[in-house]
Amino acid sequence: MSLRGIVSKVKNCFDWTPVAVSGPIEIYRDYRDKGHVLLGYEVTVTYKHHGERKYLFADDEEKMCFVTRAQARKMAFDFYNQKQQQIKGR
């Protein structure tokens, strides 16, 4: 492999350019004792050189109460909007 090829591969390792993003979707899990419980909101981002990555913004309201459902939703939509701006800005 040539030096250019190596340099190109190294550059691609650090290039996390998003090319697509899906809006936040609610992720639920069924428990025997609690029933249908919201885990949080998931945003899927597709990167140019790294493929698809899923980010979960967890709803912690029932366990530790560090992050409420509204806060998790807001963080997911803020992240989604940030990635949308990065895609449009290219």
PDB file of N, CA and C in Angstrom:
ATOM      1  N   MET A   1       0.841  -1.178   0.000  1.00  0.00           N
ATOM      2  CA  MET A   1       0.000   0.000   0.000  1.00  0.00           C
ATOM      3  C   MET A   1       0.886   1.241   0.000  1.00  0.00           C
ATOM      4  N   SER A   2       0.490   2.209  -0.763  1.00  0.00           N
ATOM      5  CA  SER A   2       1.273   3.433  -0.872  1.00  0.00           C
ATOM      6  C   SER A   2       1.073   4.314   0.359  1.00  0.00           C
ATOM      7  N   LEU A   3       1.930   5.285   0.482  1.00  0.00           N
ATOM      8  CA  LEU A   3       1.851   6.233   1.592  1.00  0.00           C
ATOM      9  C   LEU A   3       0.540   7.016   1.539  1.00  0.00           C
ATOM     10  N   ARG A   4       0.090   7.384   0.333  1.00  0.00           N
ATOM     11  CA  ARG A   4      -1.183   8.101   0.183  1.00  0.00           C
ATOM     12  C   ARG A   4      -2.350   7.257   0.682  1.00  0.00           C
ATOM     13  N   GLY A   5      -2.314   5.978   0.362  1.00  0.00           N
ATOM     14  CA  GLY A   5      -3.365   5.071   0.813  1.00  0.00           C
ATOM     15  C   GLY A   5      -3.414   4.971   2.329  1.00  0.00           C
ATOM     16  N   ILE A   6      -2.245   4.904   2.942  1.00  0.00           N
ATOM     17  CA  ILE A   6      -2.161   4.834   4.404  1.00  0.00           C
ATOM     18  C   ILE A   6      -2.675   6.128   5.028  1.00  0.00           C
ATOM     19  N   VAL A   7      -2.242   7.259   4.491  1.00  0.00           N
ATOM     20  CA  VAL A   7      -2.685   8.553   5.011  1.00  0.00           C
ATOM     21  C   VAL A   7      -4.196   8.693   4.858  1.00  0.00           C
ATOM     22  N   SER A   8      -4.722   8.240   3.742  1.00  0.00           N
ATOM     23  CA  SER A   8      -6.167   8.316   3.512  1.00  0.00           C
ATOM     24  C   SER A   8      -6.931   7.469   4.524  1.00  0.00           C
ATOM     25  N   LYS A   9      -6.444   6.274   4.815  1.00  0.00           N
ATOM     26  CA  LYS A   9      -7.103   5.405   5.795  1.00  0.00           C
ATOM     27  C   LYS A   9      -7.051   6.007   7.193  1.00  0.00           C
ATOM     28  N   VAL A  10      -5.929   6.611   7.543  1.00  0.00           N
ATOM     29  CA  VAL A  10      -5.802   7.247   8.855  1.00  0.00           C
ATOM     30  C   VAL A  10      -6.765   8.431   8.954  1.00  0.00           C
ATOM     31  N   LYS A  11      -6.861   9.233   7.903  1.00  0.00           N
ATOM     32  CA  LYS A  11      -7.796  10.367   7.906  1.00  0.00           C
ATOM     33  C   LYS A  11      -9.231   9.883   8.067  1.00  0.00           C
ATOM     34  N   ASN A  12      -9.581   8.795   7.392  1.00  0.00           N
ATOM     35  CA  ASN A  12     -10.938   8.260   7.475  1.00  0.00           C
ATOM     36  C   ASN A  12     -11.278   7.772   8.880  1.00  0.00           C
ATOM     37  N   CYS A  13     -10.275   7.304   9.624  1.00  0.00           N
ATOM     38  CA  CYS A  13     -10.520   6.856  11.000  1.00  0.00           C
ATOM     39  C   CYS A  13     -11.020   7.995  11.886  1.00  0.00           C
ATOM     40  N   PHE A  14     -10.600   9.208  11.595  1.00  0.00           N
ATOM     41  CA  PHE A  14     -10.969  10.358  12.404  1.00  0.00           C
ATOM     42  C   PHE A  14     -12.089  11.195  11.782  1.00  0.00           C
ATOM     43  N   ASP A  15     -12.576  10.783  10.637  1.00  0.00           N
ATOM     44  CA  ASP A  15     -13.630  11.522   9.932  1.00  0.00           C
ATOM     45  C   ASP A  15     -14.997  10.939  10.284  1.00  0.00           C
ATOM     46  N   TRP A  16     -15.693  11.590  11.199  1.00  0.00           N
ATOM     47  CA  TRP A  16     -17.024  11.159  11.635  1.00  0.00           C
ATOM     48  C   TRP A  16     -18.080  12.074  11.026  1.00  0.00           C
ATOM     49  N   THR A  17     -18.065  12.221   9.716  1.00  0.00           N
ATOM     50  CA  THR A  17     -19.027  13.049   9.009  1.00  0.00           C
ATOM     51  C   THR A  17     -20.357  12.309   8.884  1.00  0.00           C
ATOM     52  N   PRO A  18     -21.438  12.880   9.456  1.00  0.00           N
ATOM     53  CA  PRO A  18     -22.738  12.218   9.327  1.00  0.00           C
ATOM     54  C   PRO A  18     -23.319  12.433   7.929  1.00  0.00           C
ATOM     55  N   VAL A  19     -23.946  11.390   7.391  1.00  0.00           N
ATOM     56  CA  VAL A  19     -24.586  11.509   6.080  1.00  0.00           C
ATOM     57  C   VAL A  19     -26.095  11.327   6.178  1.00  0.00           C
ATOM     58  N   ALA A  20     -26.572  10.729   7.270  1.00  0.00           N
ATOM     59  CA  ALA A  20     -28.012  10.549   7.472  1.00  0.00           C
ATOM     60  C   ALA A  20     -28.289  10.417   8.963  1.00  0.00           C
ATOM     61  N   VAL A  21     -29.477  10.849   9.358  1.00  0.00           N
ATOM     62  CA  VAL A  21     -29.886  10.737  10.752  1.00  0.00           C
ATOM     63  C   VAL A  21     -31.391  10.488  10.800  1.00  0.00           C
ATOM     64  N   SER A  22     -31.803   9.586  11.681  1.00  0.00           N
ATOM     65  CA  SER A  22     -33.235   9.331  11.842  1.00  0.00           C
ATOM     66  C   SER A  22     -33.699   9.996  13.130  1.00  0.00           C
ATOM     67  N   GLY A  23     -34.922  10.489  13.098  1.00  0.00           N
ATOM     68  CA  GLY A  23     -35.485  11.178  14.255  1.00  0.00           C
ATOM     69  C   GLY A  23     -35.609  10.257  15.458  1.00  0.00           C
ATOM     70  N   PRO A  24     -35.678  10.834  16.643  1.00  0.00           N
ATOM     71  CA  PRO A  24     -35.786  10.030  17.858  1.00  0.00           C
ATOM     72  C   PRO A  24     -37.038   9.144  17.854  1.00  0.00           C
ATOM     73  N   ILE A  25     -36.842   7.890  18.218  1.00  0.00           N
ATOM     74  CA  ILE A  25     -37.973   6.978  18.368  1.00  0.00           C
ATOM     75  C   ILE A  25     -37.976   6.458  19.800  1.00  0.00           C
ATOM     76  N   GLU A  26     -39.151   6.196  20.314  1.00  0.00           N
ATOM     77  CA  GLU A  26     -39.279   5.694  21.670  1.00  0.00           C
ATOM     78  C   GLU A  26     -38.931   4.206  21.690  1.00  0.00           C
ATOM     79  N   ILE A  27     -38.140   3.810  22.679  1.00  0.00           N
ATOM     80  CA  ILE A  27     -37.756   2.417  22.851  1.00  0.00           C
ATOM     81  C   ILE A  27     -38.411   1.905  24.135  1.00  0.00           C
ATOM     82  N   TYR A  28     -39.187   0.843  23.997  1.00  0.00           N
ATOM     83  CA  TYR A  28     -39.894   0.257  25.130  1.00  0.00           C
ATOM     84  C   TYR A  28     -39.378  -1.147  25.398  1.00  0.00           C
ATOM     85  N   ARG A  29     -39.583  -1.593  26.613  1.00  0.00           N
ATOM     86  CA  ARG A  29     -39.279  -2.978  26.987  1.00  0.00           C
ATOM     87  C   ARG A  29     -40.409  -3.485  27.867  1.00  0.00           C
ATOM     88  N   ASP A  30     -40.763  -4.733  27.671  1.00  0.00           N
ATOM     89  CA  ASP A  30     -41.820  -5.345  28.473  1.00  0.00           C
ATOM     90  C   ASP A  30     -41.213  -6.096  29.653  1.00  0.00           C
ATOM     91  N   TYR A  31     -41.713  -5.796  30.846  1.00  0.00           N
ATOM     92  CA  TYR A  31     -41.298  -6.473  32.062  1.00  0.00           C
ATOM     93  C   TYR A  31     -42.496  -7.203  32.650  1.00  0.00           C
ATOM     94  N   ARG A  32     -42.221  -8.303  33.305  1.00  0.00           N
ATOM     95  CA  ARG A  32     -43.308  -9.065  33.921  1.00  0.00           C
ATOM     96  C   ARG A  32     -43.993  -8.281  35.025  1.00  0.00           C
ATOM     97  N   ASP A  33     -43.190  -7.640  35.873  1.00  0.00           N
ATOM     98  CA  ASP A  33     -43.763  -6.947  37.027  1.00  0.00           C
ATOM     99  C   ASP A  33     -44.224  -5.517  36.735  1.00  0.00           C
ATOM    100  N   LYS A  34     -43.582  -4.836  35.780  1.00  0.00           N
ATOM    101  CA  LYS A  34     -43.907  -3.426  35.512  1.00  0.00           C
ATOM    102  C   LYS A  34     -44.702  -3.225  34.235  1.00  0.00           C
ATOM    103  N   GLY A  35     -44.683  -4.188  33.350  1.00  0.00           N
ATOM    104  CA  GLY A  35     -45.396  -4.049  32.080  1.00  0.00           C
ATOM    105  C   GLY A  35     -44.554  -3.365  31.021  1.00  0.00           C
ATOM    106  N   HIS A  36     -45.194  -2.566  30.201  1.00  0.00           N
ATOM    107  CA  HIS A  36     -44.580  -1.867  29.059  1.00  0.00           C
ATOM    108  C   HIS A  36     -43.908  -0.586  29.566  1.00  0.00           C
ATOM    109  N   VAL A  37     -42.575  -0.540  29.574  1.00  0.00           N
ATOM    110  CA  VAL A  37     -41.825   0.575  30.170  1.00  0.00           C
ATOM    111  C   VAL A  37     -40.974   1.261  29.106  1.00  0.00           C
ATOM    112  N   LEU A  38     -41.020   2.592  29.112  1.00  0.00           N
ATOM    113  CA  LEU A  38     -40.178   3.382  28.208  1.00  0.00           C
ATOM    114  C   LEU A  38     -38.742   3.383  28.716  1.00  0.00           C
ATOM    115  N   LEU A  39     -37.813   2.911  27.873  1.00  0.00           N
ATOM    116  CA  LEU A  39     -36.393   2.931  28.229  1.00  0.00           C
ATOM    117  C   LEU A  39     -35.758   4.266  27.891  1.00  0.00           C
ATOM    118  N   GLY A  40     -36.197   4.869  26.783  1.00  0.00           N
ATOM    119  CA  GLY A  40     -35.636   6.138  26.357  1.00  0.00           C
ATOM    120  C   GLY A  40     -35.910   6.374  24.884  1.00  0.00           C
ATOM    121  N   TYR A  41     -35.118   7.265  24.303  1.00  0.00           N
ATOM    122  CA  TYR A  41     -35.275   7.655  22.906  1.00  0.00           C
ATOM    123  C   TYR A  41     -33.996   7.314  22.159  1.00  0.00           C
ATOM    124  N   GLU A  42     -34.159   6.725  20.984  1.00  0.00           N
ATOM    125  CA  GLU A  42     -33.007   6.291  20.198  1.00  0.00           C
ATOM    126  C   GLU A  42     -32.898   7.099  18.906  1.00  0.00           C
ATOM    127  N   VAL A  43     -31.681   7.565  18.637  1.00  0.00           N
ATOM    128  CA  VAL A  43     -31.377   8.293  17.402  1.00  0.00           C
ATOM    129  C   VAL A  43     -30.335   7.485  16.649  1.00  0.00           C
ATOM    130  N   THR A  44     -30.586   7.223  15.364  1.00  0.00           N
ATOM    131  CA  THR A  44     -29.652   6.468  14.542  1.00  0.00           C
ATOM    132  C   THR A  44     -28.964   7.420  13.575  1.00  0.00           C
ATOM    133  N   VAL A  45     -27.633   7.400  13.600  1.00  0.00           N
ATOM    134  CA  VAL A  45     -26.830   8.258  12.726  1.00  0.00           C
ATOM    135  C   VAL A  45     -25.987   7.363  11.826  1.00  0.00           C
ATOM    136  N   THR A  46     -25.979   7.672  10.524  1.00  0.00           N
ATOM    137  CA  THR A  46     -25.124   6.969   9.579  1.00  0.00           C
ATOM    138  C   THR A  46     -23.954   7.884   9.239  1.00  0.00           C
ATOM    139  N   TYR A  47     -22.755   7.369   9.457  1.00  0.00           N
ATOM    140  CA  TYR A  47     -21.541   8.140   9.197  1.00  0.00           C
ATOM    141  C   TYR A  47     -20.916   7.702   7.879  1.00  0.00           C
ATOM    142  N   LYS A  48     -20.199   8.634   7.264  1.00  0.00           N
ATOM    143  CA  LYS A  48     -19.599   8.409   5.948  1.00  0.00           C
ATOM    144  C   LYS A  48     -18.646   7.215   5.934  1.00  0.00           C
ATOM    145  N   HIS A  49     -17.789   7.107   6.937  1.00  0.00           N
ATOM    146  CA  HIS A  49     -16.763   6.067   6.943  1.00  0.00           C
ATOM    147  C   HIS A  49     -16.945   5.021   8.045  1.00  0.00           C
ATOM    148  N   HIS A  50     -17.941   5.191   8.901  1.00  0.00           N
ATOM    149  CA  HIS A  50     -18.073   4.309  10.051  1.00  0.00           C
ATOM    150  C   HIS A  50     -19.412   3.587  10.135  1.00  0.00           C
ATOM    151  N   GLY A  51     -20.256   3.773   9.143  1.00  0.00           N
ATOM    152  CA  GLY A  51     -21.532   3.068   9.145  1.00  0.00           C
ATOM    153  C   GLY A  51     -22.542   3.658  10.115  1.00  0.00           C
ATOM    154  N   GLU A  52     -23.435   2.806  10.563  1.00  0.00           N
ATOM    155  CA  GLU A  52     -24.560   3.243  11.380  1.00  0.00           C
ATOM    156  C   GLU A  52     -24.248   3.084  12.872  1.00  0.00           C
ATOM    157  N   ARG A  53     -24.627   4.111  13.657  1.00  0.00           N
ATOM    158  CA  ARG A  53     -24.471   4.065  15.110  1.00  0.00           C
ATOM    159  C   ARG A  53     -25.799   4.477  15.733  1.00  0.00           C
ATOM    160  N   LYS A  54     -26.162   3.792  16.806  1.00  0.00           N
ATOM    161  CA  LYS A  54     -27.404   4.098  17.522  1.00  0.00           C
ATOM    162  C   LYS A  54     -27.046   4.726  18.859  1.00  0.00           C
ATOM    163  N   TYR A  55     -27.743   5.806  19.189  1.00  0.00           N
ATOM    164  CA  TYR A  55     -27.525   6.512  20.448  1.00  0.00           C
ATOM    165  C   TYR A  55     -28.821   6.469  21.246  1.00  0.00           C
ATOM    166  N   LEU A  56     -28.729   6.018  22.497  1.00  0.00           N
ATOM    167  CA  LEU A  56     -29.899   5.934  23.358  1.00  0.00           C
ATOM    168  C   LEU A  56     -29.821   7.018  24.420  1.00  0.00           C
ATOM    169  N   PHE A  57     -30.880   7.782  24.510  1.00  0.00           N
ATOM    170  CA  PHE A  57     -31.011   8.804  25.543  1.00  0.00           C
ATOM    171  C   PHE A  57     -32.012   8.251  26.543  1.00  0.00           C
ATOM    172  N   ALA A  58     -31.488   7.713  27.639  1.00  0.00           N
ATOM    173  CA  ALA A  58     -32.282   6.912  28.566  1.00  0.00           C
ATOM    174  C   ALA A  58     -33.168   7.768  29.462  1.00  0.00           C
ATOM    175  N   ASP A  59     -34.332   7.210  29.745  1.00  0.00           N
ATOM    176  CA  ASP A  59     -35.272   7.778  30.708  1.00  0.00           C
ATOM    177  C   ASP A  59     -34.982   7.097  32.041  1.00  0.00           C
ATOM    178  N   ASP A  60     -34.486   7.853  32.991  1.00  0.00           N
ATOM    179  CA  ASP A  60     -34.053   7.311  34.269  1.00  0.00           C
ATOM    180  C   ASP A  60     -35.046   7.641  35.388  1.00  0.00           C
ATOM    181  N   GLU A  61     -36.219   8.091  35.026  1.00  0.00           N
ATOM    182  CA  GLU A  61     -37.174   8.619  35.995  1.00  0.00           C
ATOM    183  C   GLU A  61     -37.594   7.588  37.046  1.00  0.00           C
ATOM    184  N   GLU A  62     -37.734   6.334  36.658  1.00  0.00           N
ATOM    185  CA  GLU A  62     -38.234   5.328  37.598  1.00  0.00           C
ATOM    186  C   GLU A  62     -37.151   4.768  38.512  1.00  0.00           C
ATOM    187  N   LYS A  63     -35.880   4.873  38.125  1.00  0.00           N
ATOM    188  CA  LYS A  63     -34.809   4.283  38.942  1.00  0.00           C
ATOM    189  C   LYS A  63     -34.165   5.313  39.853  1.00  0.00           C
ATOM    190  N   MET A  64     -33.330   6.143  39.298  1.00  0.00           N
ATOM    191  CA  MET A  64     -32.547   7.082  40.095  1.00  0.00           C
ATOM    192  C   MET A  64     -33.057   8.518  40.027  1.00  0.00           C
ATOM    193  N   CYS A  65     -33.880   8.787  39.058  1.00  0.00           N
ATOM    194  CA  CYS A  65     -34.466  10.120  38.871  1.00  0.00           C
ATOM    195  C   CYS A  65     -33.430  11.183  38.517  1.00  0.00           C
ATOM    196  N   PHE A  66     -32.347  10.774  37.844  1.00  0.00           N
ATOM    197  CA  PHE A  66     -31.359  11.741  37.390  1.00  0.00           C
ATOM    198  C   PHE A  66     -31.819  12.431  36.108  1.00  0.00           C
ATOM    199  N   VAL A  67     -32.458  11.671  35.236  1.00  0.00           N
ATOM    200  CA  VAL A  67     -32.926  12.195  33.953  1.00  0.00           C
ATOM    201  C   VAL A  67     -34.413  11.869  33.816  1.00  0.00           C
ATOM    202  N   THR A  68     -35.206  12.901  33.670  1.00  0.00           N
ATOM    203  CA  THR A  68     -36.644  12.681  33.504  1.00  0.00           C
ATOM    204  C   THR A  68     -36.950  12.349  32.046  1.00  0.00           C
ATOM    205  N   ARG A  69     -38.160  11.902  31.822  1.00  0.00           N
ATOM    206  CA  ARG A  69     -38.598  11.566  30.460  1.00  0.00           C
ATOM    207  C   ARG A  69     -38.502  12.795  29.553  1.00  0.00           C
ATOM    208  N   ALA A  70     -38.900  13.949  30.052  1.00  0.00           N
ATOM    209  CA  ALA A  70     -38.855  15.184  29.257  1.00  0.00           C
ATOM    210  C   ALA A  70     -37.418  15.576  28.926  1.00  0.00           C
ATOM    211  N   GLN A  71     -36.513  15.407  29.885  1.00  0.00           N
ATOM    212  CA  GLN A  71     -35.106  15.739  29.642  1.00  0.00           C
ATOM    213  C   GLN A  71     -34.491  14.791  28.608  1.00  0.00           C
ATOM    214  N   ALA A  72     -34.802  13.503  28.717  1.00  0.00           N
ATOM    215  CA  ALA A  72     -34.278  12.530  27.753  1.00  0.00           C
ATOM    216  C   ALA A  72     -34.791  12.851  26.355  1.00  0.00           C
ATOM    217  N   ARG A  73     -36.067  13.198  26.251  1.00  0.00           N
ATOM    218  CA  ARG A  73     -36.659  13.551  24.953  1.00  0.00           C
ATOM    219  C   ARG A  73     -35.984  14.789  24.371  1.00  0.00           C
ATOM    220  N   LYS A  74     -35.758  15.801  25.221  1.00  0.00           N
ATOM    221  CA  LYS A  74     -35.120  17.034  24.759  1.00  0.00           C
ATOM    222  C   LYS A  74     -33.685  16.776  24.307  1.00  0.00           C
ATOM    223  N   MET A  75     -32.941  15.961  25.056  1.00  0.00           N
ATOM    224  CA  MET A  75     -31.560  15.642  24.667  1.00  0.00           C
ATOM    225  C   MET A  75     -31.528  14.909  23.333  1.00  0.00           C
ATOM    226  N   ALA A  76     -32.470  13.992  23.122  1.00  0.00           N
ATOM    227  CA  ALA A  76     -32.525  13.244  21.863  1.00  0.00           C
ATOM    228  C   ALA A  76     -32.828  14.172  20.695  1.00  0.00           C
ATOM    229  N   PHE A  77     -33.798  15.075  20.860  1.00  0.00           N
ATOM    230  CA  PHE A  77     -34.134  15.991  19.773  1.00  0.00           C
ATOM    231  C   PHE A  77     -33.031  17.014  19.536  1.00  0.00           C
ATOM    232  N   ASP A  78     -32.356  17.458  20.590  1.00  0.00           N
ATOM    233  CA  ASP A  78     -31.226  18.377  20.418  1.00  0.00           C
ATOM    234  C   ASP A  78     -30.096  17.698  19.635  1.00  0.00           C
ATOM    235  N   PHE A  79     -29.799  16.450  19.973  1.00  0.00           N
ATOM    236  CA  PHE A  79     -28.766  15.685  19.271  1.00  0.00           C
ATOM    237  C   PHE A  79     -29.158  15.491  17.808  1.00  0.00           C
ATOM    238  N   TYR A  80     -30.413  15.142  17.571  1.00  0.00           N
ATOM    239  CA  TYR A  80     -30.931  14.962  16.209  1.00  0.00           C
ATOM    240  C   TYR A  80     -30.779  16.256  15.403  1.00  0.00           C
ATOM    241  N   ASN A  81     -31.176  17.382  15.988  1.00  0.00           N
ATOM    242  CA  ASN A  81     -31.073  18.677  15.297  1.00  0.00           C
ATOM    243  C   ASN A  81     -29.616  19.053  15.031  1.00  0.00           C
ATOM    244  N   GLN A  82     -28.734  18.745  15.971  1.00  0.00           N
ATOM    245  CA  GLN A  82     -27.301  19.026  15.782  1.00  0.00           C
ATOM    246  C   GLN A  82     -26.754  18.229  14.598  1.00  0.00           C
ATOM    247  N   LYS A  83     -27.104  16.955  14.503  1.00  0.00           N
ATOM    248  CA  LYS A  83     -26.630  16.140  13.382  1.00  0.00           C
ATOM    249  C   LYS A  83     -27.246  16.602  12.064  1.00  0.00           C
ATOM    250  N   GLN A  84     -28.509  17.032  12.087  1.00  0.00           N
ATOM    251  CA  GLN A  84     -29.147  17.568  10.879  1.00  0.00           C
ATOM    252  C   GLN A  84     -28.395  18.800  10.388  1.00  0.00           C
ATOM    253  N   GLN A  85     -27.998  19.674  11.312  1.00  0.00           N
ATOM    254  CA  GLN A  85     -27.252  20.890  10.931  1.00  0.00           C
ATOM    255  C   GLN A  85     -25.890  20.516  10.346  1.00  0.00           C
ATOM    256  N   GLN A  86     -25.233  19.506  10.893  1.00  0.00           N
ATOM    257  CA  GLN A  86     -23.948  19.072  10.354  1.00  0.00           C
ATOM    258  C   GLN A  86     -24.113  18.539   8.936  1.00  0.00           C
ATOM    259  N   ILE A  87     -25.202  17.841   8.668  1.00  0.00           N
ATOM    260  CA  ILE A  87     -25.455  17.300   7.334  1.00  0.00           C
ATOM    261  C   ILE A  87     -25.744  18.421   6.357  1.00  0.00           C
ATOM    262  N   LYS A  88     -26.552  19.394   6.753  1.00  0.00           N
ATOM    263  CA  LYS A  88     -26.910  20.516   5.882  1.00  0.00           C
ATOM    264  C   LYS A  88     -25.733  21.449   5.640  1.00  0.00           C
ATOM    265  N   GLY A  89     -24.819  21.535   6.625  1.00  0.00           N
ATOM    266  CA  GLY A  89     -23.683  22.450   6.518  1.00  0.00           C
ATOM    267  C   GLY A  89     -22.578  21.989   5.608  1.00  0.00           C
ATOM    268  N   ARG A  90     -22.650  20.752   5.130  1.00  0.00           N
ATOM    269  CA  ARG A  90     -21.593  20.244   4.257  1.00  0.00           C
ATOM    270  C   ARG A  90     -21.699  20.802   2.881  1.00  0.00           C
TER     271      ARG A  90
END
